[in-house]
Protein backbone atom coordinates (compact mmCIF):
# COMPACT_ATOMS: atom_id res chain seq x y z
CA MET A 1 -142.35 106.39 188.00
CA THR A 2 -142.88 107.71 191.51
CA PRO A 3 -140.10 107.55 194.14
CA ALA A 4 -142.02 104.80 195.99
CA ARG A 5 -142.14 102.69 192.83
CA VAL A 6 -138.46 103.21 192.18
CA ARG A 7 -137.67 102.04 195.73
CA VAL A 8 -139.79 98.91 195.46
CA ALA A 9 -138.32 98.13 192.05
CA GLY A 10 -134.87 98.04 193.57
CA VAL A 11 -135.93 95.86 196.50
CA ALA A 12 -137.98 93.53 194.31
CA LEU A 13 -135.15 93.12 191.80
CA ALA A 14 -132.78 92.20 194.61
CA LEU A 15 -135.27 89.47 195.52
CA ALA A 16 -135.86 88.24 191.97
CA VAL A 17 -132.24 88.41 190.79
CA GLY A 18 -130.60 87.41 194.04
CA LEU A 19 -132.27 83.99 194.24
CA ALA A 20 -134.12 83.46 190.98
CA GLY A 21 -131.32 84.93 189.07
CA ALA A 22 -130.08 86.31 185.87
CA SER A 23 -126.78 85.36 184.38
CA GLU A 24 -124.44 87.88 182.85
CA VAL A 25 -125.36 88.69 179.26
CA ARG A 26 -122.18 88.54 177.21
CA ALA A 27 -121.72 89.31 173.54
CA ASP A 28 -118.53 87.22 173.28
CA ASP A 29 -119.45 83.54 173.57
CA SER A 30 -115.82 82.57 174.16
CA ALA A 31 -116.11 84.30 177.54
CA GLY A 32 -119.30 82.41 178.41
CA SER A 33 -122.82 82.08 177.11
CA ALA A 34 -125.80 84.30 177.80
CA PHE A 35 -128.65 82.70 179.70
CA VAL A 36 -131.03 85.66 179.99
CA ARG A 37 -132.13 88.51 177.79
CA SER A 38 -134.88 91.08 177.49
CA ARG A 39 -136.27 92.22 174.14
CA ALA A 40 -138.70 94.92 173.07
CA VAL A 41 -140.65 94.34 169.84
CA ASP A 42 -143.86 96.04 168.67
CA GLY A 43 -144.65 97.55 172.07
CA CYS A 44 -144.11 94.26 173.92
CA THR A 45 -141.13 93.78 176.24
CA THR A 46 -140.19 90.20 177.12
CA PHE A 47 -137.80 88.53 179.55
CA GLU A 48 -136.39 85.21 178.33
CA THR A 49 -134.19 82.47 179.75
CA ALA A 50 -132.03 80.02 177.81
CA THR A 51 -131.48 76.27 177.78
CA ARG A 52 -128.29 74.73 176.38
CA THR A 53 -127.28 71.10 175.97
CA TYR A 54 -123.60 70.20 176.40
CA ARG A 55 -121.86 67.16 174.94
CA SER A 56 -118.34 66.00 174.17
CA ALA A 57 -116.77 67.34 170.99
CA ASP A 58 -116.99 63.90 169.34
CA GLY A 59 -120.67 63.55 170.28
CA ARG A 60 -120.09 60.50 172.48
CA GLY A 61 -121.07 59.99 176.09
CA PRO A 62 -123.86 61.55 178.16
CA THR A 63 -125.31 65.00 177.59
CA VAL A 64 -125.86 67.65 180.26
CA SER A 65 -128.46 70.38 179.76
CA LEU A 66 -128.43 73.66 181.65
CA VAL A 67 -132.05 74.77 181.96
CA GLY A 68 -132.06 78.30 183.34
CA VAL A 69 -135.20 79.49 185.08
CA VAL A 70 -136.58 82.50 186.90
CA HIS A 71 -138.76 81.71 189.91
CA ILE A 72 -141.66 83.93 188.84
CA GLY A 73 -143.14 83.82 185.34
CA ASP A 74 -146.11 82.94 183.16
CA ARG A 75 -147.71 79.52 183.49
CA ALA A 76 -147.07 78.78 179.79
CA TYR A 77 -143.36 79.38 180.43
CA TYR A 78 -143.21 76.67 183.09
CA ASP A 79 -145.24 74.28 180.92
CA ALA A 80 -142.68 74.73 178.12
CA LEU A 81 -139.75 74.16 180.52
CA VAL A 82 -141.30 70.94 181.83
CA GLU A 83 -141.66 69.69 178.26
CA GLU A 84 -137.97 70.49 177.75
CA LEU A 85 -136.94 68.77 180.99
CA GLU A 86 -138.87 65.62 180.14
CA ARG A 87 -136.26 64.94 177.44
CA SER A 88 -133.68 64.18 180.17
CA GLN A 89 -133.49 60.95 182.17
CA VAL A 90 -132.39 62.76 185.33
CA VAL A 91 -133.24 66.30 186.45
CA LEU A 92 -131.21 67.89 189.25
CA PHE A 93 -133.39 70.65 190.65
CA GLU A 94 -132.89 73.55 193.02
CA SER A 95 -134.50 73.37 196.45
CA VAL A 96 -133.05 74.50 199.78
CA LEU A 97 -134.44 71.96 202.25
CA PRO A 98 -133.58 70.67 205.74
CA ARG A 99 -130.83 68.15 206.30
CA GLY A 100 -132.17 64.69 205.71
CA ALA A 101 -133.98 65.64 202.50
CA PHE A 102 -131.10 64.76 200.18
CA GLY A 103 -130.74 61.04 200.77
CA THR A 104 -128.92 58.79 203.21
CA ARG A 105 -125.99 57.44 201.25
CA GLY A 106 -122.60 57.72 202.93
CA ALA A 107 -118.98 56.70 202.53
CA ASP A 108 -119.02 54.48 205.66
CA ASP A 109 -121.40 53.10 208.26
CA LEU A 110 -120.92 56.04 210.62
CA GLU A 111 -121.92 58.53 207.92
CA ARG A 112 -124.84 56.34 206.88
CA GLN A 113 -126.05 56.28 210.49
CA ARG A 114 -125.80 60.06 210.77
CA ARG A 115 -127.61 60.69 207.53
CA THR A 116 -130.32 58.18 208.40
CA GLN A 117 -130.91 60.03 211.67
CA GLU A 118 -131.13 63.32 209.77
CA ALA A 119 -133.65 61.76 207.37
CA MET A 120 -135.79 60.62 210.29
CA LEU A 121 -135.69 64.13 211.77
CA PHE A 122 -136.82 65.52 208.42
CA LEU A 123 -139.73 63.08 208.33
CA ARG A 124 -140.62 63.94 211.92
CA GLY A 125 -140.93 67.57 210.94
CA LEU A 126 -143.34 66.57 208.16
CA ALA A 127 -145.33 64.39 210.56
CA GLU A 128 -145.69 67.36 212.90
CA ARG A 129 -146.87 69.50 210.01
CA PHE A 130 -149.47 66.82 209.27
CA ALA A 131 -150.56 66.83 212.92
CA ARG A 132 -150.92 70.60 213.04
CA ALA A 133 -153.26 70.46 210.07
CA ASN A 134 -155.23 67.32 210.99
CA GLY A 135 -155.20 67.10 214.78
CA ARG A 136 -153.59 63.64 214.68
CA PHE A 137 -150.50 61.88 213.41
CA PRO A 138 -150.59 60.01 210.08
CA GLU A 139 -151.62 56.38 209.96
CA SER A 140 -148.87 55.44 207.53
CA LEU A 141 -145.96 56.80 205.50
CA ALA A 142 -148.19 56.67 202.43
CA GLU A 143 -150.73 58.98 204.08
CA LEU A 144 -147.97 61.34 205.18
CA ARG A 145 -146.47 61.43 201.67
CA ALA A 146 -149.82 62.19 200.07
CA PHE A 147 -150.36 65.06 202.51
CA VAL A 148 -146.89 66.52 201.92
CA VAL A 149 -146.90 66.26 198.12
CA THR A 150 -150.36 67.82 197.88
CA ARG A 151 -148.90 70.96 199.45
CA ASP A 152 -145.50 71.05 197.75
CA THR A 153 -144.52 68.62 194.99
CA ARG A 154 -140.84 69.54 195.45
CA LEU A 155 -140.95 67.38 198.60
CA ALA A 156 -141.90 64.18 196.73
CA LYS A 157 -138.39 62.98 195.92
CA PRO A 158 -136.89 64.22 199.23
CA PHE A 159 -139.59 62.23 201.05
CA ASP A 160 -138.77 59.09 199.04
CA LEU A 161 -135.03 59.54 199.68
CA ALA A 162 -135.58 60.01 203.42
CA ALA A 163 -137.83 56.93 203.64
CA VAL A 164 -134.86 54.65 202.82
CA ASP A 165 -132.04 54.27 205.35
CA GLY A 166 -128.33 54.40 204.63
CA TRP A 167 -128.19 50.66 203.89
CA GLY A 168 -131.01 50.64 201.36
CA HIS A 169 -133.74 49.38 203.71
CA ALA A 170 -137.17 51.01 203.92
CA LEU A 171 -137.77 52.91 207.14
CA GLY A 172 -140.41 51.51 209.39
CA TYR A 173 -143.29 53.62 210.71
CA ALA A 174 -145.89 52.76 213.34
CA ARG A 175 -148.62 54.70 215.15
CA ARG A 176 -148.50 54.41 218.94
CA GLY A 177 -151.84 55.50 220.27
CA ASP A 178 -153.49 58.80 219.46
CA ALA A 179 -150.49 61.03 220.22
CA GLY A 180 -147.48 58.89 219.31
CA TYR A 181 -145.59 57.20 216.52
CA ALA A 182 -142.10 55.92 215.74
CA PHE A 183 -139.81 55.91 212.73
CA ALA A 184 -137.31 53.05 212.78
CA SER A 185 -134.24 51.83 210.93
CA LEU A 186 -132.86 48.36 211.64
CA GLY A 187 -129.32 49.41 210.79
CA ALA A 188 -126.78 47.69 208.59
CA GLY A 189 -128.03 44.19 209.44
CA GLY A 190 -131.63 44.84 208.46
CA ALA A 191 -132.83 42.92 211.54
CA ALA A 192 -133.89 43.96 215.04
CA GLY A 193 -131.15 44.39 217.63
CA GLY A 194 -127.41 44.66 217.17
CA ARG A 195 -124.59 47.02 217.98
CA ASP A 196 -122.50 49.60 216.15
CA ALA A 197 -123.54 49.69 212.47
CA GLU A 198 -126.34 47.18 213.18
CA LEU A 199 -127.81 49.28 215.97
CA ASP A 200 -131.52 50.02 215.60
CA LEU A 201 -132.41 53.72 215.22
CA VAL A 202 -135.80 54.81 216.55
CA LEU A 203 -137.34 58.30 216.58
CA GLY A 204 -140.68 59.41 217.99
CA PRO A 205 -142.41 62.79 218.42
CA ARG A 206 -140.86 65.65 220.31
CA GLU A 207 -142.09 66.07 223.86
CA PRO A 208 -144.38 67.69 224.50
CA PHE A 209 -146.18 67.89 221.17
CA VAL A 210 -149.94 68.43 221.09
CA PRO A 211 -151.53 68.13 217.62
CA SER A 212 -153.62 71.11 216.55
CA THR A 213 -156.94 70.94 214.78
CA ASP A 214 -156.40 74.21 212.91
CA PRO A 215 -155.95 73.45 209.17
CA LYS A 216 -154.30 76.85 208.74
CA ALA A 217 -151.86 76.41 211.60
CA ASP A 218 -148.99 75.70 209.22
CA ASP A 219 -149.73 78.49 206.75
CA ARG A 220 -147.10 81.18 206.15
CA ARG A 221 -147.17 84.30 204.09
CA ASP A 222 -145.22 83.87 200.89
CA LEU A 223 -143.15 86.86 199.78
CA TYR A 224 -142.49 85.30 196.38
CA ARG A 225 -146.23 84.86 195.89
CA GLU A 226 -146.86 88.53 196.73
CA PHE A 227 -144.12 89.61 194.32
CA ALA A 228 -145.58 87.36 191.58
CA ASP A 229 -149.06 88.76 192.24
CA ALA A 230 -147.75 92.31 191.89
CA LEU A 231 -146.43 91.40 188.43
CA GLY A 232 -149.49 89.38 187.41
CA VAL A 233 -147.49 86.16 186.91
CA ASP A 234 -147.18 82.72 188.55
CA LEU A 235 -144.75 81.00 190.88
CA GLN A 236 -142.39 78.29 189.65
CA VAL A 237 -143.00 76.06 192.68
CA ARG A 238 -146.79 76.22 192.21
CA SER A 239 -146.73 75.81 188.43
CA ILE A 240 -144.57 72.68 188.17
CA ASP A 241 -145.25 69.14 189.38
CA TYR A 242 -141.90 67.93 190.76
CA ASP A 243 -143.22 64.46 191.59
CA ARG A 244 -141.64 62.91 188.49
CA GLU A 245 -139.43 59.95 187.82
CA GLY A 246 -135.76 60.92 187.80
CA TRP A 247 -136.21 64.38 189.40
CA ILE A 248 -133.68 64.72 192.24
CA PRO A 249 -133.04 67.64 194.65
CA ALA A 250 -129.44 68.87 194.45
CA ASP A 251 -128.65 71.71 196.83
CA LEU A 252 -127.18 72.64 200.19
CA PRO A 253 -129.38 72.06 203.26
CA MET A 254 -130.66 75.24 204.89
CA GLU A 255 -128.84 74.34 208.11
CA GLU A 256 -125.60 74.07 206.15
CA LEU A 257 -126.11 77.52 204.62
CA LEU A 258 -126.64 79.04 208.05
CA ASP A 259 -123.76 77.05 209.59
CA ARG A 260 -121.33 78.32 206.97
CA LEU A 261 -122.37 81.90 207.59
CA TRP A 262 -121.99 81.42 211.35
CA ARG A 263 -118.53 79.82 211.06
CA ARG A 264 -117.32 82.72 208.90
CA GLY A 265 -118.98 85.36 211.05
CA GLU A 266 -120.93 86.65 208.03
CA ARG A 267 -124.51 87.65 207.31
CA SER A 268 -126.70 87.04 204.28
CA VAL A 269 -129.31 89.76 204.03
CA THR A 270 -131.16 87.83 201.33
CA ILE A 271 -131.41 84.62 203.36
CA GLU A 272 -132.38 86.51 206.51
CA MET A 273 -135.14 88.38 204.69
CA LEU A 274 -136.67 85.25 203.13
CA SER A 275 -136.40 83.12 206.28
CA ASN A 276 -137.87 85.70 208.68
CA ASP A 277 -141.54 85.87 207.77
CA GLY A 278 -142.33 88.58 210.31
CA GLY A 279 -139.19 90.64 209.85
CA LEU A 280 -139.02 94.36 209.15
CA GLN A 281 -137.42 93.87 205.74
CA GLN A 282 -140.25 91.65 204.50
CA GLY A 283 -142.77 94.10 205.87
CA VAL A 284 -141.18 96.98 203.96
CA VAL A 285 -141.16 94.98 200.72
CA ARG A 286 -144.82 94.02 201.15
CA PHE A 287 -145.78 97.62 201.86
CA LEU A 288 -143.97 98.87 198.76
CA LEU A 289 -145.42 96.13 196.58
CA SER A 290 -148.88 97.41 197.42
CA PHE A 291 -148.03 100.64 195.57
CA VAL A 292 -147.08 98.96 192.31
CA SER A 293 -149.36 95.92 192.11
CA LYS A 294 -150.34 95.17 188.48
CA SER A 295 -148.52 98.30 187.26
CA THR A 296 -147.39 98.00 183.63
CA ALA A 297 -144.57 100.49 184.24
CA PHE A 298 -143.29 98.47 187.23
CA LYS A 299 -143.47 95.19 185.35
CA LYS A 300 -141.61 96.67 182.38
CA MET A 301 -138.86 97.90 184.71
CA VAL A 302 -138.53 94.44 186.24
CA VAL A 303 -138.53 92.67 182.85
CA GLN A 304 -135.88 95.00 181.42
CA ALA A 305 -133.70 94.90 184.52
CA LEU A 306 -133.82 91.09 184.73
CA GLY A 307 -132.61 90.88 181.15
CA GLN A 308 -129.73 93.23 181.84
CA ALA A 309 -128.83 91.94 185.29
CA ASP A 310 -125.26 90.92 186.01
CA ALA A 311 -125.89 88.44 188.80
CA GLY A 312 -123.86 85.73 187.08
CA GLY A 313 -120.89 87.95 186.35
CA ARG A 314 -117.58 88.12 188.14
CA GLU A 315 -118.50 91.24 190.05
CA GLY A 316 -121.47 89.64 191.76
CA GLY A 317 -124.31 91.39 189.96
CA GLY A 318 -125.64 93.32 192.93
CA LEU A 319 -125.28 90.47 195.44
CA GLY A 320 -123.04 91.04 198.44
CA ASP A 321 -119.85 88.97 198.67
CA SER A 322 -121.26 86.55 201.25
CA ASP A 323 -124.53 86.19 199.31
CA ARG A 324 -122.59 85.59 196.09
CA ARG A 325 -120.40 82.87 197.61
CA LEU A 326 -123.24 81.14 199.40
CA ILE A 327 -126.21 81.55 197.07
CA ILE A 328 -124.28 80.93 193.86
CA ASP A 329 -120.83 79.38 194.21
CA GLU A 330 -121.17 77.03 197.18
CA ARG A 331 -124.63 75.77 196.22
CA ASN A 332 -123.28 75.13 192.71
CA ASP A 333 -120.56 72.94 194.24
CA ALA A 334 -123.26 70.74 195.78
CA VAL A 335 -124.93 70.33 192.37
CA ILE A 336 -121.69 69.40 190.64
CA GLU A 337 -121.00 66.81 193.37
CA GLU A 338 -124.37 65.21 192.62
CA LEU A 339 -123.62 65.38 188.87
CA ARG A 340 -120.34 63.50 189.43
CA HIS A 341 -122.22 60.86 191.43
CA GLN A 342 -124.81 60.39 188.68
CA LEU A 343 -122.18 60.09 185.94
CA ALA A 344 -120.13 57.62 188.01
CA ARG A 345 -123.02 55.19 188.45
CA ALA A 346 -122.74 51.82 186.72
CA ASP A 347 -126.09 52.62 185.09
CA ALA A 348 -125.27 56.28 184.49
CA PRO A 349 -128.04 58.19 182.68
CA ARG A 350 -127.46 59.25 179.09
CA SER A 351 -128.97 62.68 179.66
CA ILE A 352 -129.01 64.93 182.72
CA ALA A 353 -130.58 68.36 183.13
CA ILE A 354 -129.57 70.91 185.77
CA PHE A 355 -132.70 72.93 186.50
CA TYR A 356 -131.63 76.02 188.42
CA GLY A 357 -132.02 79.77 188.61
CA ALA A 358 -130.31 81.39 185.65
CA ALA A 359 -127.87 83.15 187.98
CA HIS A 360 -126.10 79.82 188.46
CA MET A 361 -125.64 78.94 184.81
CA GLY A 362 -122.44 80.85 184.02
CA ASP A 363 -120.55 78.98 186.74
CA PHE A 364 -122.09 75.64 185.74
CA GLU A 365 -121.06 76.18 182.12
CA GLU A 366 -117.48 76.96 183.10
CA THR A 367 -117.31 73.71 185.10
CA LEU A 368 -118.82 71.64 182.28
CA ARG A 369 -116.23 73.00 179.86
CA ARG A 370 -113.23 72.75 182.21
CA GLU A 371 -113.85 69.56 184.20
CA PHE A 372 -116.02 67.48 181.88
CA GLY A 373 -114.77 68.69 178.49
CA LEU A 374 -118.29 69.42 177.24
CA VAL A 375 -119.20 72.06 174.66
CA PRO A 376 -122.57 73.80 174.19
CA ASP A 377 -125.09 73.67 171.39
CA GLU A 378 -127.16 76.61 170.25
CA ALA A 379 -129.47 78.07 172.92
CA ARG A 380 -133.23 77.54 173.01
CA TRP A 381 -135.02 80.56 174.46
CA PHE A 382 -138.19 80.57 176.57
CA THR A 383 -140.28 83.64 177.39
CA ALA A 384 -140.69 83.88 181.16
CA MET A 385 -142.87 86.98 181.24
CA SER A 386 -143.84 89.90 179.05
CA VAL A 387 -145.47 93.29 179.37
CA ASP A 388 -147.65 94.68 176.58
CA GLU A 389 -147.86 98.46 176.46
CA TRP A 390 -150.04 98.73 173.36
CA GLU A 391 -153.80 98.91 173.17
CA LEU A 392 -155.84 97.34 170.39
CA PRO A 393 -155.75 100.31 167.92
CA GLN A 394 -151.93 100.37 168.05
CA VAL A 395 -151.67 96.62 167.44
CA GLU A 396 -154.11 96.82 164.53
CA ALA A 397 -152.17 99.73 163.02
CA ARG A 398 -148.95 97.70 163.16
CA ILE A 399 -150.73 94.74 161.53
CA ARG A 400 -151.82 96.94 158.63
CA ARG A 401 -148.29 98.28 158.27
CA PHE A 402 -146.80 94.78 158.00
CA GLU A 403 -149.52 93.65 155.60
CA GLU A 404 -148.65 96.59 153.37
CA SER A 405 -144.94 95.75 153.63
CA ARG A 406 -145.59 92.15 152.64
CA GLU A 407 -147.60 93.20 149.59
CA SER A 408 -144.88 95.64 148.60
CA VAL A 409 -142.17 92.97 148.83
CA LEU A 410 -144.22 90.50 146.79
CA ALA A 411 -144.95 93.12 144.14
CA SER A 412 -141.32 94.15 143.69
CA ASP A 413 -139.69 90.71 143.87
CA PRO A 414 -142.21 87.84 143.78
CA LEU A 415 -139.59 85.15 143.10
CA GLY A 416 -136.99 86.19 145.69
CA ALA A 417 -139.28 87.33 148.47
CA GLY A 418 -139.49 84.04 150.39
CA PRO A 419 -137.20 84.78 153.39
CA GLU A 420 -138.40 88.36 153.75
CA THR A 421 -142.10 87.49 153.55
CA ALA A 422 -141.55 84.64 156.03
CA ARG A 423 -140.03 87.09 158.53
CA ILE A 424 -142.96 89.47 158.08
CA GLU A 425 -145.45 86.63 158.43
CA LEU A 426 -143.97 85.62 161.78
CA ARG A 427 -144.40 89.16 163.09
CA LEU A 428 -147.96 89.23 161.76
CA GLN A 429 -148.83 85.97 163.51
CA SER A 430 -147.62 87.35 166.83
CA LEU A 431 -149.48 90.62 166.37
CA ARG A 432 -152.71 88.88 165.38
CA ARG A 433 -152.58 86.71 168.50
CA ARG A 434 -152.20 89.83 170.61
CA ALA A 435 -155.10 91.50 168.82
CA GLU A 436 -157.31 88.45 169.42
CA ARG A 437 -156.43 88.46 173.11
CA LEU A 438 -157.18 92.17 173.44
CA ARG A 439 -160.54 91.77 171.69
CA ALA A 440 -161.47 88.79 173.87
CA THR A 441 -160.45 90.21 177.24
CA GLY A 442 -160.65 93.95 176.74
CA ASP A 443 -157.21 94.15 178.38
CA ALA A 444 -155.45 97.47 178.28
CA PRO A 445 -152.10 98.51 179.73
CA LYS A 446 -152.35 99.93 183.22
CA PRO A 447 -150.53 103.12 184.18
């Protein structure tokens, strides 16, 4: 691999592992379970993530599943994960969003007022996005929701949470002429007027705000998309429909992440790079990605390194100390707080899934064992991406070799050959599928 490709591999892995994540691979399960691995079989190298379900030792009470994911992978991978997640009544998913996107519940009226105001600010931002694309403000909350969800299904549940104030009342929305609108909460009393907790909250557009008629005015370049394109895979956020019953965002707001860094006088290189679309760091990554796009050698390096990455380990796995604390530990605390809330409900769900980057899973597992007394079942593994280095003649040669091995086993021990021939047959099935794909597409590994 050329020096340029080596450099981009390092930068790209920092991106993929730092936020998408890989948890430490441990041989000793007593020290924690593995949630990622890479394997090389018959000229095909795969990167896989694990799912584990945790329950009490006596089998009673609710179950919690840790569904590890990497944010770039094959579409079939995300389809399989969705099928897995549909087994749970509640799914707590990863999504760094603005304040106001995580609901309006609070311990007292003052907190409910504050969180309702934050929710209205979040909705105002979405209304402005609508106006930039359509040259007008939405006619209704339903029209605004349809617009938002069409562009990013992760915003479906945050929108629904923000559209209900801290006292359980639906927010009002009204157009005011061509260039105005107002969101409104009637406060604790649920009726117009009042003071203190019953005070009405009203929010209109920022001044001045002139709607644009440019449908591309809100477009931004997506570094994750460019990284996925370079590997020939898909994006998690574009492959999964998050607008599902029981799917709930559980994360820290972006403002909170930045506030914590500011209060501690720290920097997060990862957050800065992803949040600054026009920054030098993103430009360098994009330039380097152009050298390795669709390269089999580059993809193999990424797949192998993801499977060996140590991002969930105690030493930080290549993340800086501030990145480690913020991206992993402190965001995990927000998820566990939501898990406690769900389990404390009078109608607590019987099954909950935590759907997060695999980097987070080691810490989640430790908390489930220590605080909740839950123990894991056997892992179920899902192939996120793979790289095939063999061409059709090599695959066909390996098929013939296994066919000969199967005949040899049957000839020498026809009565006791069941397990061995079953193992060979599984390998043959995989190889035949690869051969069919190569014949149909004419695909060949790229240098």
